[in-house]
């Protein structure tokens, strides 16, 4: 447990935060702009069922549920969510599951009947993840259940009874809840700004060039939950329509920079099926409820999961400022460790990736020390076009291998215009060391990274040549 900073600046807001909590409307007008939803629930509302375990969005003890106007229920981490992000939303905590007659919710009953708890510290988080799962009406197969539980950790018991409880409640009807009414206009309180249009966002960006752009807070939220380092200003972009739109045409998919993974996944997976298992390992459902692809790119981490994939898919960015919008290839966006080509007055508006052409194949890989809820040691994406036994085009992106996510140019050269054969992929594997000189760290040594990347390329041949055999091998 961390110790809270004894000196927190209280800032009176120019407007109020309004949302619905457990079916009751809430208005707040005095607080620190870096207050997390978790701290507010516990310290200001006395809702102690929502726990702090890791303060990083990893353990799930802090899970609450966002209740959308369209009926969707989405689990989220309250420890890294700033309270300002909840403006206009509806939130339910474990206390809000209690029935009017005092009886437990069916999800709580199922957990108790399955003996799915021991010390009980993590149980409220599991209950809220189960509540969101039940509301989604999903199948009770093991893969889906384990995906729903990937963001919750239990330190003292086995997961079998928890899985049993999740199986019981799959598809249960969930009582509808009140949803916070939307309200027009921008909101600005203290140093936390919530623009409602692209014009307002750009004006705020110009006035506050040092402000942090906040989308899902899955990374920047750590400044509040763990580091306690308040920025000069925060601009929350999740209510700007141009940054949340998702659209497609015959050739391309365009995703707003502030669209969440949960929103973008159905379309991405429909056109790139290899992303289904990959994105299932990108954080957890709680993280995917909040996290955004644009935010993942904007942090410019060399171990971010999405950049290698998007590099392989030839992604372009639309960067917008008061001066207009410019188109930039993703490979030109990363300039150095945590450095990008984004100008002080610019924002990432959207990213566009082409759909696969006939004859093209796409695969991706993530290697990490732990399967779920872990940062990549090596991440990779590969797109190839094979025509009549010849590799006509190829793009390969790697993460975790350099100070920035990068294309593997020598690997691509070793494959392009070559016969599709094991020999070509062996040459590509040998070229990895010409493209990258990785570092040693606690996630993996440089030698491991080079060996693993080379072996992933060797495996890629069999995934294309004999896909069924590759699936059987990977299942072992």
Foldseek 3Di string as FASTA:
>chain_A
DDDDDPDADKFFWPAWFWWAELQHIDTDGIGHQLAFQQCCCCVVVVNPQQDDDPLQQAAQSRWKWWQDPVGAIFIAHRSLHGPNVCRQTYIYFLVSQQDPVRDGHLLVVLCVVLVVDDPSSSVRRLSRLLLNQQSVLDALDPVVLCQSCLRHDDDPDDCVSSSVSSNVSRNPHDDDGDTGHDDDDWTTTDQETEGQEPVVVLVVLVVCLQEAEDALSSPVSSCSNPVVPDGPHYYYDLNYVLQQDWDDDPWKTKGRQNHFQVRCVVVVCVQAVQCPLVVSQQAGSNCRVRHGPNVLLLQQALQRAPPQACQFQFKWWWKQHPVGTDIGTSQQQRDFQSHGPHDSSIGTGIMMGTGDDPQKHKHKDFDWPDRHRGTGCKIKIKIFGADPQATAFIWMWMGNFHSGIHIQVQLRVLRHRGGLDLVSLLSSLVSLVVRGQGDDDPGHHSVVRSNVVSVVSSLVSCCVVPVVVSVVVVVD
